[in-house]
């Protein structure tokens, strides 16, 4: 694969349609390309643990909450940036695996909470170590200054998009 296929594409559009500015592809195209590459790089530990896309997000959101590691489906939806329907599907898969449970809320008998089981806590703790080490390896080629600049620029782009109502609703595997 060419090192800079995106720049080549931009050059081709510049030649074929000089009336257009194809330069946004230099950023958006690279972000899309990186998203695909990152998915391939980040997925193996979760696949090895037999977790579907997004399942780790449920486990991580609950674990980050602290003891007793419980949240409502609505809270999970907010923390994971997905719909409650996506949360329900993931929770059902994780219940079948014995990694989470669903129970009546102590605060509201009409509500339900999702909580990590001891097996879920152990798996999440193991996987977050692998996940963060994997991410650190991926970023090893960037200097601290580059990382801070990239963090700042990506946060600014995220603010721009979310201020326009373009929030994420997909798989994140952020951790």
N, C-alpha and C. Protein backbone atom coordinates (compact mmCIF):
# COMPACT_ATOMS: atom_id res chain seq x y z
N UNK A 1 0.85 -1.18 0.00
CA UNK A 1 0.00 0.00 0.00
C UNK A 1 0.89 1.25 0.00
N UNK A 2 0.54 2.20 -0.82
CA UNK A 2 1.28 3.46 -0.91
C UNK A 2 1.21 4.18 0.44
N UNK A 3 2.34 4.76 0.86
CA UNK A 3 2.40 5.46 2.14
C UNK A 3 1.42 6.61 2.21
N UNK A 4 1.16 7.28 1.10
CA UNK A 4 0.26 8.42 1.14
C UNK A 4 -0.77 8.36 0.02
N UNK A 5 -1.55 7.32 0.06
CA UNK A 5 -2.61 7.13 -0.94
C UNK A 5 -3.63 8.28 -0.87
N UNK A 6 -3.86 8.82 0.31
CA UNK A 6 -4.81 9.92 0.46
C UNK A 6 -4.32 11.14 -0.32
N UNK A 7 -3.04 11.48 -0.20
CA UNK A 7 -2.49 12.62 -0.95
C UNK A 7 -2.60 12.38 -2.45
N UNK A 8 -2.40 11.14 -2.86
CA UNK A 8 -2.53 10.80 -4.28
C UNK A 8 -3.97 11.03 -4.76
N UNK A 9 -4.93 10.62 -3.95
CA UNK A 9 -6.34 10.82 -4.29
C UNK A 9 -6.65 12.31 -4.40
N UNK A 10 -6.15 13.09 -3.45
CA UNK A 10 -6.36 14.55 -3.47
C UNK A 10 -5.75 15.14 -4.75
N UNK A 11 -4.56 14.69 -5.10
CA UNK A 11 -3.92 15.16 -6.34
C UNK A 11 -4.74 14.82 -7.57
N UNK A 12 -5.31 13.63 -7.60
CA UNK A 12 -6.14 13.22 -8.73
C UNK A 12 -7.38 14.10 -8.84
N UNK A 13 -8.04 14.36 -7.71
CA UNK A 13 -9.22 15.23 -7.75
C UNK A 13 -8.84 16.65 -8.15
N UNK A 14 -7.69 17.12 -7.67
CA UNK A 14 -7.21 18.45 -8.06
C UNK A 14 -7.00 18.56 -9.56
N UNK A 15 -6.49 17.50 -10.14
CA UNK A 15 -6.27 17.46 -11.60
C UNK A 15 -7.59 17.38 -12.35
N UNK A 16 -8.48 16.49 -11.89
CA UNK A 16 -9.74 16.25 -12.61
C UNK A 16 -10.81 17.31 -12.36
N UNK A 17 -10.78 17.88 -11.16
CA UNK A 17 -11.79 18.91 -10.82
C UNK A 17 -11.10 20.09 -10.15
N UNK A 18 -10.35 20.88 -10.92
CA UNK A 18 -9.61 22.00 -10.33
C UNK A 18 -10.53 23.07 -9.74
N UNK A 19 -11.82 22.98 -10.04
CA UNK A 19 -12.78 23.94 -9.47
C UNK A 19 -13.16 23.59 -8.03
N UNK A 20 -12.74 22.42 -7.55
CA UNK A 20 -13.06 21.98 -6.19
C UNK A 20 -11.81 22.00 -5.32
N UNK A 21 -12.02 22.11 -4.00
CA UNK A 21 -10.92 22.01 -3.04
C UNK A 21 -11.00 20.65 -2.36
N UNK A 22 -10.18 19.70 -2.80
CA UNK A 22 -10.23 18.36 -2.20
C UNK A 22 -9.41 18.24 -0.91
N UNK A 23 -8.84 19.32 -0.42
CA UNK A 23 -7.95 19.24 0.75
C UNK A 23 -8.61 18.68 2.01
N UNK A 24 -9.94 18.81 2.23
CA UNK A 24 -10.50 18.17 3.43
C UNK A 24 -10.24 16.66 3.48
N UNK A 25 -10.08 16.05 2.31
CA UNK A 25 -9.77 14.61 2.29
C UNK A 25 -8.45 14.29 2.98
N UNK A 26 -7.54 15.25 3.00
CA UNK A 26 -6.25 15.03 3.65
C UNK A 26 -6.43 14.77 5.15
N UNK A 27 -7.49 15.32 5.72
CA UNK A 27 -7.79 15.10 7.14
C UNK A 27 -8.84 14.02 7.31
N UNK A 28 -10.00 14.23 6.71
CA UNK A 28 -11.11 13.28 6.89
C UNK A 28 -10.75 11.90 6.35
N UNK A 29 -10.15 11.85 5.18
CA UNK A 29 -9.75 10.56 4.60
C UNK A 29 -8.76 9.83 5.49
N UNK A 30 -7.84 10.58 6.05
CA UNK A 30 -6.85 9.95 6.93
C UNK A 30 -7.50 9.48 8.24
N UNK A 31 -8.43 10.27 8.76
CA UNK A 31 -9.13 9.84 9.97
C UNK A 31 -9.89 8.55 9.70
N UNK A 32 -10.58 8.48 8.56
CA UNK A 32 -11.32 7.26 8.22
C UNK A 32 -10.37 6.07 8.04
N UNK A 33 -9.26 6.32 7.38
CA UNK A 33 -8.28 5.26 7.18
C UNK A 33 -7.71 4.80 8.52
N UNK A 34 -7.39 5.75 9.39
CA UNK A 34 -6.88 5.40 10.71
C UNK A 34 -7.91 4.64 11.54
N UNK A 35 -9.18 5.00 11.42
CA UNK A 35 -10.22 4.30 12.17
C UNK A 35 -10.25 2.83 11.79
N UNK A 36 -10.14 2.55 10.51
CA UNK A 36 -10.14 1.16 10.05
C UNK A 36 -8.89 0.43 10.54
N UNK A 37 -7.74 1.07 10.47
CA UNK A 37 -6.49 0.46 10.92
C UNK A 37 -6.54 0.23 12.43
N UNK A 38 -7.03 1.22 13.17
CA UNK A 38 -7.11 1.08 14.62
C UNK A 38 -8.06 -0.04 15.03
N UNK A 39 -9.16 -0.20 14.31
CA UNK A 39 -10.08 -1.29 14.62
C UNK A 39 -9.36 -2.63 14.52
N UNK A 40 -8.59 -2.79 13.47
CA UNK A 40 -7.83 -4.04 13.28
C UNK A 40 -6.80 -4.21 14.40
N UNK A 41 -6.14 -3.12 14.78
CA UNK A 41 -5.08 -3.19 15.80
C UNK A 41 -5.63 -3.40 17.21
N UNK A 42 -6.81 -2.84 17.49
CA UNK A 42 -7.34 -2.88 18.85
C UNK A 42 -8.26 -4.08 19.12
N UNK A 43 -8.79 -4.69 18.11
CA UNK A 43 -9.79 -5.74 18.25
C UNK A 43 -9.29 -7.07 18.82
N UNK A 44 -8.06 -7.52 18.52
CA UNK A 44 -7.65 -8.88 18.91
C UNK A 44 -7.83 -9.26 20.39
N UNK A 45 -7.46 -8.43 21.37
CA UNK A 45 -7.66 -8.87 22.76
C UNK A 45 -9.14 -9.10 23.10
N UNK A 46 -10.01 -8.30 22.52
CA UNK A 46 -11.45 -8.45 22.79
C UNK A 46 -11.99 -9.70 22.09
N UNK A 47 -11.54 -9.93 20.86
CA UNK A 47 -11.96 -11.13 20.13
C UNK A 47 -11.46 -12.38 20.85
N UNK A 48 -10.23 -12.33 21.36
CA UNK A 48 -9.68 -13.49 22.09
C UNK A 48 -10.48 -13.78 23.34
N UNK A 49 -11.09 -12.75 23.93
CA UNK A 49 -11.94 -12.93 25.11
C UNK A 49 -13.38 -13.23 24.70
N UNK A 50 -13.61 -13.44 23.41
CA UNK A 50 -14.94 -13.75 22.86
C UNK A 50 -15.95 -12.63 23.13
N UNK A 51 -15.48 -11.38 23.04
CA UNK A 51 -16.36 -10.24 23.20
C UNK A 51 -16.70 -9.66 21.83
N UNK A 52 -17.97 -9.37 21.61
CA UNK A 52 -18.40 -8.73 20.37
C UNK A 52 -18.03 -7.26 20.38
N UNK A 53 -18.14 -6.63 19.22
CA UNK A 53 -17.86 -5.20 19.14
C UNK A 53 -18.75 -4.45 20.12
N UNK A 54 -18.13 -3.64 20.93
CA UNK A 54 -18.87 -2.83 21.89
C UNK A 54 -19.09 -3.47 23.24
N UNK A 55 -18.89 -4.78 23.34
CA UNK A 55 -19.11 -5.44 24.63
C UNK A 55 -18.16 -4.93 25.70
N UNK A 56 -16.90 -4.71 25.32
CA UNK A 56 -15.94 -4.20 26.30
C UNK A 56 -16.35 -2.81 26.78
N UNK A 57 -16.97 -2.02 25.93
CA UNK A 57 -17.42 -0.68 26.34
C UNK A 57 -18.37 -0.76 27.52
N UNK A 58 -19.25 -1.76 27.52
CA UNK A 58 -20.19 -1.94 28.64
C UNK A 58 -19.39 -2.28 29.89
N UNK A 59 -18.51 -3.26 29.78
CA UNK A 59 -17.72 -3.69 30.94
C UNK A 59 -16.88 -2.53 31.48
N UNK A 60 -16.24 -1.79 30.59
CA UNK A 60 -15.37 -0.69 31.00
C UNK A 60 -16.17 0.44 31.65
N UNK A 61 -17.34 0.76 31.10
CA UNK A 61 -18.17 1.82 31.68
C UNK A 61 -18.59 1.45 33.10
N UNK A 62 -18.96 0.21 33.31
CA UNK A 62 -19.35 -0.24 34.64
C UNK A 62 -18.15 -0.23 35.59
N UNK A 63 -17.01 -0.71 35.13
CA UNK A 63 -15.82 -0.78 35.98
C UNK A 63 -15.32 0.61 36.37
N UNK A 64 -15.37 1.55 35.43
CA UNK A 64 -14.94 2.92 35.71
C UNK A 64 -15.82 3.60 36.74
N UNK A 65 -17.03 3.11 36.88
CA UNK A 65 -18.00 3.72 37.80
C UNK A 65 -17.60 3.50 39.26
N UNK A 66 -16.80 2.49 39.52
CA UNK A 66 -16.43 2.15 40.89
C UNK A 66 -17.50 1.29 41.53
N UNK A 67 -17.16 0.75 42.70
CA UNK A 67 -18.10 -0.15 43.39
C UNK A 67 -19.39 0.59 43.70
N UNK A 68 -20.52 -0.05 43.51
CA UNK A 68 -20.75 -1.48 43.24
C UNK A 68 -20.80 -1.82 41.74
N UNK A 69 -20.22 -0.98 40.88
CA UNK A 69 -20.13 -1.24 39.44
C UNK A 69 -21.50 -1.42 38.79
N UNK A 70 -22.41 -0.50 39.09
CA UNK A 70 -23.76 -0.59 38.51
C UNK A 70 -24.15 0.74 37.87
N UNK A 71 -24.94 0.61 36.80
CA UNK A 71 -25.52 1.75 36.10
C UNK A 71 -26.85 1.32 35.50
N UNK A 72 -27.72 2.28 35.24
CA UNK A 72 -28.94 1.99 34.50
C UNK A 72 -28.59 1.93 33.01
N UNK A 73 -29.50 1.40 32.22
CA UNK A 73 -29.27 1.34 30.77
C UNK A 73 -29.10 2.76 30.21
N UNK A 74 -29.87 3.71 30.71
CA UNK A 74 -29.75 5.09 30.25
C UNK A 74 -28.39 5.68 30.58
N UNK A 75 -27.90 5.41 31.77
CA UNK A 75 -26.56 5.89 32.16
C UNK A 75 -25.48 5.24 31.29
N UNK A 76 -25.62 3.94 31.06
CA UNK A 76 -24.67 3.26 30.17
C UNK A 76 -24.69 3.88 28.78
N UNK A 77 -25.87 4.16 28.28
CA UNK A 77 -26.02 4.76 26.96
C UNK A 77 -25.26 6.09 26.89
N UNK A 78 -25.41 6.91 27.91
CA UNK A 78 -24.72 8.20 27.94
C UNK A 78 -23.21 8.03 28.02
N UNK A 79 -22.74 7.14 28.85
CA UNK A 79 -21.31 6.96 29.04
C UNK A 79 -20.63 6.31 27.84
N UNK A 80 -21.39 5.49 27.11
CA UNK A 80 -20.82 4.78 25.96
C UNK A 80 -21.10 5.48 24.64
N UNK A 81 -21.91 6.54 24.65
CA UNK A 81 -22.24 7.29 23.45
C UNK A 81 -22.94 6.44 22.40
N UNK A 82 -23.85 5.58 22.85
CA UNK A 82 -24.65 4.74 21.95
C UNK A 82 -26.10 4.79 22.40
N UNK A 83 -26.99 4.26 21.57
CA UNK A 83 -28.41 4.23 21.91
C UNK A 83 -28.69 3.20 23.00
N UNK A 84 -29.82 3.36 23.69
CA UNK A 84 -30.20 2.37 24.70
C UNK A 84 -30.47 1.01 24.07
N UNK A 85 -30.91 1.00 22.82
CA UNK A 85 -31.11 -0.27 22.12
C UNK A 85 -29.81 -1.04 21.96
N UNK A 86 -28.74 -0.31 21.61
CA UNK A 86 -27.42 -0.94 21.48
C UNK A 86 -26.95 -1.46 22.84
N UNK A 87 -27.23 -0.70 23.90
CA UNK A 87 -26.85 -1.12 25.25
C UNK A 87 -27.57 -2.42 25.60
N UNK A 88 -28.85 -2.49 25.34
CA UNK A 88 -29.65 -3.67 25.69
C UNK A 88 -29.10 -4.92 25.01
N UNK A 89 -28.77 -4.83 23.73
CA UNK A 89 -28.22 -5.99 23.01
C UNK A 89 -26.90 -6.44 23.62
N UNK A 90 -26.05 -5.49 23.93
CA UNK A 90 -24.75 -5.82 24.51
C UNK A 90 -24.90 -6.43 25.90
N UNK A 91 -25.77 -5.82 26.70
CA UNK A 91 -26.00 -6.33 28.06
C UNK A 91 -26.53 -7.76 28.00
N UNK A 92 -27.47 -8.02 27.11
CA UNK A 92 -28.02 -9.37 26.99
C UNK A 92 -26.92 -10.39 26.67
N UNK A 93 -26.00 -10.03 25.76
CA UNK A 93 -24.89 -10.93 25.43
C UNK A 93 -24.00 -11.16 26.66
N UNK A 94 -23.74 -10.10 27.40
CA UNK A 94 -22.85 -10.21 28.56
C UNK A 94 -23.50 -10.95 29.72
N UNK A 95 -24.82 -10.84 29.87
CA UNK A 95 -25.53 -11.62 30.88
C UNK A 95 -25.39 -13.11 30.56
N UNK A 96 -25.55 -13.45 29.28
CA UNK A 96 -25.43 -14.85 28.87
C UNK A 96 -24.03 -15.41 29.17
N UNK A 97 -23.03 -14.54 29.19
CA UNK A 97 -21.66 -14.95 29.49
C UNK A 97 -21.35 -14.92 30.98
N UNK A 98 -22.26 -14.41 31.80
CA UNK A 98 -22.03 -14.34 33.24
C UNK A 98 -21.12 -13.19 33.64
N UNK A 99 -20.97 -12.19 32.77
CA UNK A 99 -20.07 -11.07 33.05
C UNK A 99 -20.79 -9.87 33.67
N UNK A 100 -22.10 -9.76 33.42
CA UNK A 100 -22.91 -8.72 34.05
C UNK A 100 -24.23 -9.34 34.49
N UNK A 101 -24.92 -8.60 35.34
CA UNK A 101 -26.25 -9.02 35.79
C UNK A 101 -27.19 -7.84 35.65
N UNK A 102 -28.47 -8.12 35.61
CA UNK A 102 -29.50 -7.08 35.58
C UNK A 102 -30.38 -7.31 36.79
N UNK A 103 -30.61 -6.26 37.57
CA UNK A 103 -31.42 -6.42 38.78
C UNK A 103 -32.30 -5.20 39.00
N UNK A 104 -33.21 -5.32 39.94
CA UNK A 104 -34.10 -4.21 40.30
C UNK A 104 -33.30 -3.15 41.03
N UNK A 105 -33.55 -1.90 40.66
CA UNK A 105 -32.86 -0.78 41.30
C UNK A 105 -33.31 -0.63 42.74
N UNK A 106 -32.37 -0.39 43.64
CA UNK A 106 -32.73 -0.13 45.04
C UNK A 106 -33.32 1.26 45.19
N UNK A 107 -33.01 2.17 44.26
CA UNK A 107 -33.52 3.54 44.32
C UNK A 107 -34.94 3.65 43.76
N UNK A 108 -35.29 2.78 42.79
CA UNK A 108 -36.59 2.84 42.14
C UNK A 108 -36.97 1.43 41.72
N UNK A 109 -37.95 0.86 42.38
CA UNK A 109 -38.32 -0.54 42.13
C UNK A 109 -38.79 -0.77 40.69
N UNK A 110 -39.15 0.29 39.99
CA UNK A 110 -39.57 0.14 38.58
C UNK A 110 -38.37 0.07 37.66
N UNK A 111 -37.22 0.54 38.12
CA UNK A 111 -36.03 0.60 37.29
C UNK A 111 -35.14 -0.63 37.42
N UNK A 112 -34.26 -0.79 36.46
CA UNK A 112 -33.31 -1.89 36.46
C UNK A 112 -31.90 -1.31 36.38
N UNK A 113 -30.98 -2.01 37.02
CA UNK A 113 -29.57 -1.63 36.93
C UNK A 113 -28.78 -2.81 36.39
N UNK A 114 -27.72 -2.48 35.72
CA UNK A 114 -26.80 -3.48 35.19
C UNK A 114 -25.55 -3.39 36.05
N UNK A 115 -25.05 -4.54 36.46
CA UNK A 115 -23.85 -4.56 37.30
C UNK A 115 -22.86 -5.61 36.86
N UNK A 116 -21.60 -5.34 37.12
CA UNK A 116 -20.55 -6.31 36.84
C UNK A 116 -20.60 -7.45 37.84
N UNK A 117 -20.42 -8.65 37.36
CA UNK A 117 -20.24 -9.80 38.23
C UNK A 117 -18.75 -9.87 38.59
N UNK A 118 -18.37 -10.67 39.59
CA UNK A 118 -16.94 -10.82 39.88
C UNK A 118 -16.14 -11.26 38.65
N UNK A 119 -16.70 -12.14 37.84
CA UNK A 119 -16.01 -12.55 36.61
C UNK A 119 -15.86 -11.38 35.65
N UNK A 120 -16.86 -10.51 35.61
CA UNK A 120 -16.80 -9.33 34.76
C UNK A 120 -15.73 -8.35 35.21
N UNK A 121 -15.62 -8.17 36.52
CA UNK A 121 -14.58 -7.28 37.06
C UNK A 121 -13.20 -7.83 36.70
N UNK A 122 -12.99 -9.12 36.91
CA UNK A 122 -11.68 -9.73 36.63
C UNK A 122 -11.33 -9.62 35.15
N UNK A 123 -12.27 -9.91 34.26
CA UNK A 123 -12.01 -9.83 32.83
C UNK A 123 -11.72 -8.39 32.42
N UNK A 124 -12.50 -7.45 32.92
CA UNK A 124 -12.30 -6.05 32.57
C UNK A 124 -10.95 -5.55 33.04
N UNK A 125 -10.57 -5.90 34.25
CA UNK A 125 -9.26 -5.48 34.76
C UNK A 125 -8.12 -6.04 33.92
N UNK A 126 -8.25 -7.27 33.49
CA UNK A 126 -7.21 -7.87 32.65
C UNK A 126 -7.18 -7.20 31.28
N UNK A 127 -8.36 -7.01 30.67
CA UNK A 127 -8.41 -6.46 29.32
C UNK A 127 -8.00 -4.99 29.26
N UNK A 128 -8.31 -4.20 30.29
CA UNK A 128 -7.93 -2.79 30.23
C UNK A 128 -6.41 -2.66 30.26
N UNK A 129 -5.73 -3.55 30.98
CA UNK A 129 -4.26 -3.53 30.98
C UNK A 129 -3.73 -3.81 29.57
N UNK A 130 -4.27 -4.83 28.92
CA UNK A 130 -3.85 -5.17 27.56
C UNK A 130 -4.18 -4.04 26.59
N UNK A 131 -5.38 -3.49 26.73
CA UNK A 131 -5.86 -2.44 25.83
C UNK A 131 -4.98 -1.19 25.91
N UNK A 132 -4.70 -0.74 27.13
CA UNK A 132 -3.89 0.46 27.29
C UNK A 132 -2.45 0.24 26.83
N UNK A 133 -1.91 -0.95 27.06
CA UNK A 133 -0.57 -1.27 26.57
C UNK A 133 -0.56 -1.27 25.04
N UNK A 134 -1.59 -1.81 24.44
CA UNK A 134 -1.73 -1.84 22.99
C UNK A 134 -1.78 -0.40 22.44
N UNK A 135 -2.60 0.44 23.06
CA UNK A 135 -2.71 1.84 22.62
C UNK A 135 -1.37 2.57 22.78
N UNK A 136 -0.69 2.32 23.87
CA UNK A 136 0.62 2.97 24.09
C UNK A 136 1.61 2.55 22.99
N UNK A 137 1.57 1.28 22.61
CA UNK A 137 2.43 0.79 21.54
C UNK A 137 2.11 1.48 20.22
N UNK A 138 0.83 1.63 19.94
CA UNK A 138 0.40 2.29 18.71
C UNK A 138 0.91 3.73 18.65
N UNK A 139 0.92 4.41 19.78
CA UNK A 139 1.31 5.82 19.82
C UNK A 139 2.80 6.04 20.05
N UNK A 140 3.56 4.97 20.19
CA UNK A 140 4.98 5.08 20.52
C UNK A 140 5.77 5.94 19.54
N UNK A 141 5.37 6.00 18.29
CA UNK A 141 6.10 6.77 17.29
C UNK A 141 5.89 8.27 17.38
N UNK A 142 5.00 8.73 18.24
CA UNK A 142 4.74 10.15 18.40
C UNK A 142 5.49 10.70 19.61
N UNK A 143 6.01 11.90 19.47
CA UNK A 143 6.64 12.55 20.62
C UNK A 143 5.55 13.01 21.58
N UNK A 144 5.93 13.34 22.80
CA UNK A 144 4.96 13.86 23.77
C UNK A 144 4.29 15.12 23.23
N UNK A 145 5.07 15.96 22.58
CA UNK A 145 4.54 17.20 22.01
C UNK A 145 3.53 16.89 20.89
N UNK A 146 3.87 15.93 20.03
CA UNK A 146 2.96 15.52 18.96
C UNK A 146 1.65 14.98 19.55
N UNK A 147 1.78 14.18 20.59
CA UNK A 147 0.58 13.60 21.22
C UNK A 147 -0.32 14.69 21.79
N UNK A 148 0.28 15.65 22.49
CA UNK A 148 -0.52 16.75 23.06
C UNK A 148 -1.19 17.55 21.96
N UNK A 149 -0.47 17.82 20.88
CA UNK A 149 -1.05 18.57 19.76
C UNK A 149 -2.20 17.78 19.12
N UNK A 150 -1.98 16.50 18.93
CA UNK A 150 -3.02 15.66 18.33
C UNK A 150 -4.25 15.58 19.24
N UNK A 151 -4.03 15.42 20.53
CA UNK A 151 -5.14 15.40 21.50
C UNK A 151 -5.95 16.69 21.38
N UNK A 152 -5.25 17.83 21.34
CA UNK A 152 -5.91 19.13 21.28
C UNK A 152 -6.69 19.28 19.97
N UNK A 153 -6.08 18.91 18.86
CA UNK A 153 -6.73 19.06 17.56
C UNK A 153 -7.94 18.12 17.42
N UNK A 154 -7.81 16.89 17.88
CA UNK A 154 -8.94 15.96 17.81
C UNK A 154 -10.08 16.41 18.72
N UNK A 155 -9.75 16.94 19.89
CA UNK A 155 -10.79 17.47 20.78
C UNK A 155 -11.51 18.64 20.12
N UNK A 156 -10.76 19.51 19.45
CA UNK A 156 -11.37 20.66 18.77
C UNK A 156 -12.29 20.19 17.64
N UNK A 157 -11.84 19.21 16.86
CA UNK A 157 -12.67 18.67 15.79
C UNK A 157 -13.92 18.02 16.36
N UNK A 158 -13.77 17.29 17.46
CA UNK A 158 -14.92 16.66 18.11
C UNK A 158 -15.92 17.71 18.58
N UNK A 159 -15.43 18.79 19.20
CA UNK A 159 -16.33 19.88 19.66
C UNK A 159 -17.07 20.49 18.48
N UNK A 160 -16.36 20.70 17.38
CA UNK A 160 -16.98 21.28 16.19
C UNK A 160 -18.11 20.39 15.68
N UNK A 161 -17.85 19.11 15.60
CA UNK A 161 -18.86 18.18 15.08
C UNK A 161 -20.03 18.03 16.04
N UNK A 162 -19.76 17.86 17.33
CA UNK A 162 -20.85 17.66 18.29
C UNK A 162 -21.68 18.93 18.45
N UNK A 163 -21.07 20.10 18.28
CA UNK A 163 -21.86 21.34 18.37
C UNK A 163 -22.84 21.45 17.21
N UNK A 164 -22.58 20.71 16.15
CA UNK A 164 -23.50 20.66 15.00
C UNK A 164 -24.46 19.49 15.10
N UNK A 165 -24.49 18.83 16.26
CA UNK A 165 -25.41 17.71 16.47
C UNK A 165 -24.98 16.43 15.80
N UNK A 166 -23.70 16.29 15.52
CA UNK A 166 -23.20 15.12 14.84
C UNK A 166 -22.51 14.18 15.81
N UNK A 167 -23.21 13.78 16.88
CA UNK A 167 -22.63 12.93 17.91
C UNK A 167 -22.49 11.50 17.45
N UNK A 168 -21.55 10.79 18.07
CA UNK A 168 -21.32 9.38 17.72
C UNK A 168 -22.43 8.47 18.22
N UNK A 169 -22.70 7.44 17.45
CA UNK A 169 -23.67 6.43 17.86
C UNK A 169 -23.17 5.05 17.50
N UNK A 170 -21.88 4.89 17.32
CA UNK A 170 -21.37 3.60 16.87
C UNK A 170 -20.52 2.91 17.90
N UNK A 171 -19.63 2.07 17.44
CA UNK A 171 -18.74 1.30 18.29
C UNK A 171 -17.52 2.15 18.62
N UNK A 172 -17.10 2.15 19.85
CA UNK A 172 -15.96 2.98 20.18
C UNK A 172 -14.75 2.26 20.69
N UNK A 173 -14.93 1.28 21.56
CA UNK A 173 -13.84 0.56 22.21
C UNK A 173 -12.82 1.52 22.79
N UNK A 174 -13.33 2.58 23.39
CA UNK A 174 -12.46 3.56 24.00
C UNK A 174 -11.83 3.01 25.25
N UNK A 175 -12.65 2.33 26.05
CA UNK A 175 -12.12 1.78 27.31
C UNK A 175 -12.54 2.66 28.39
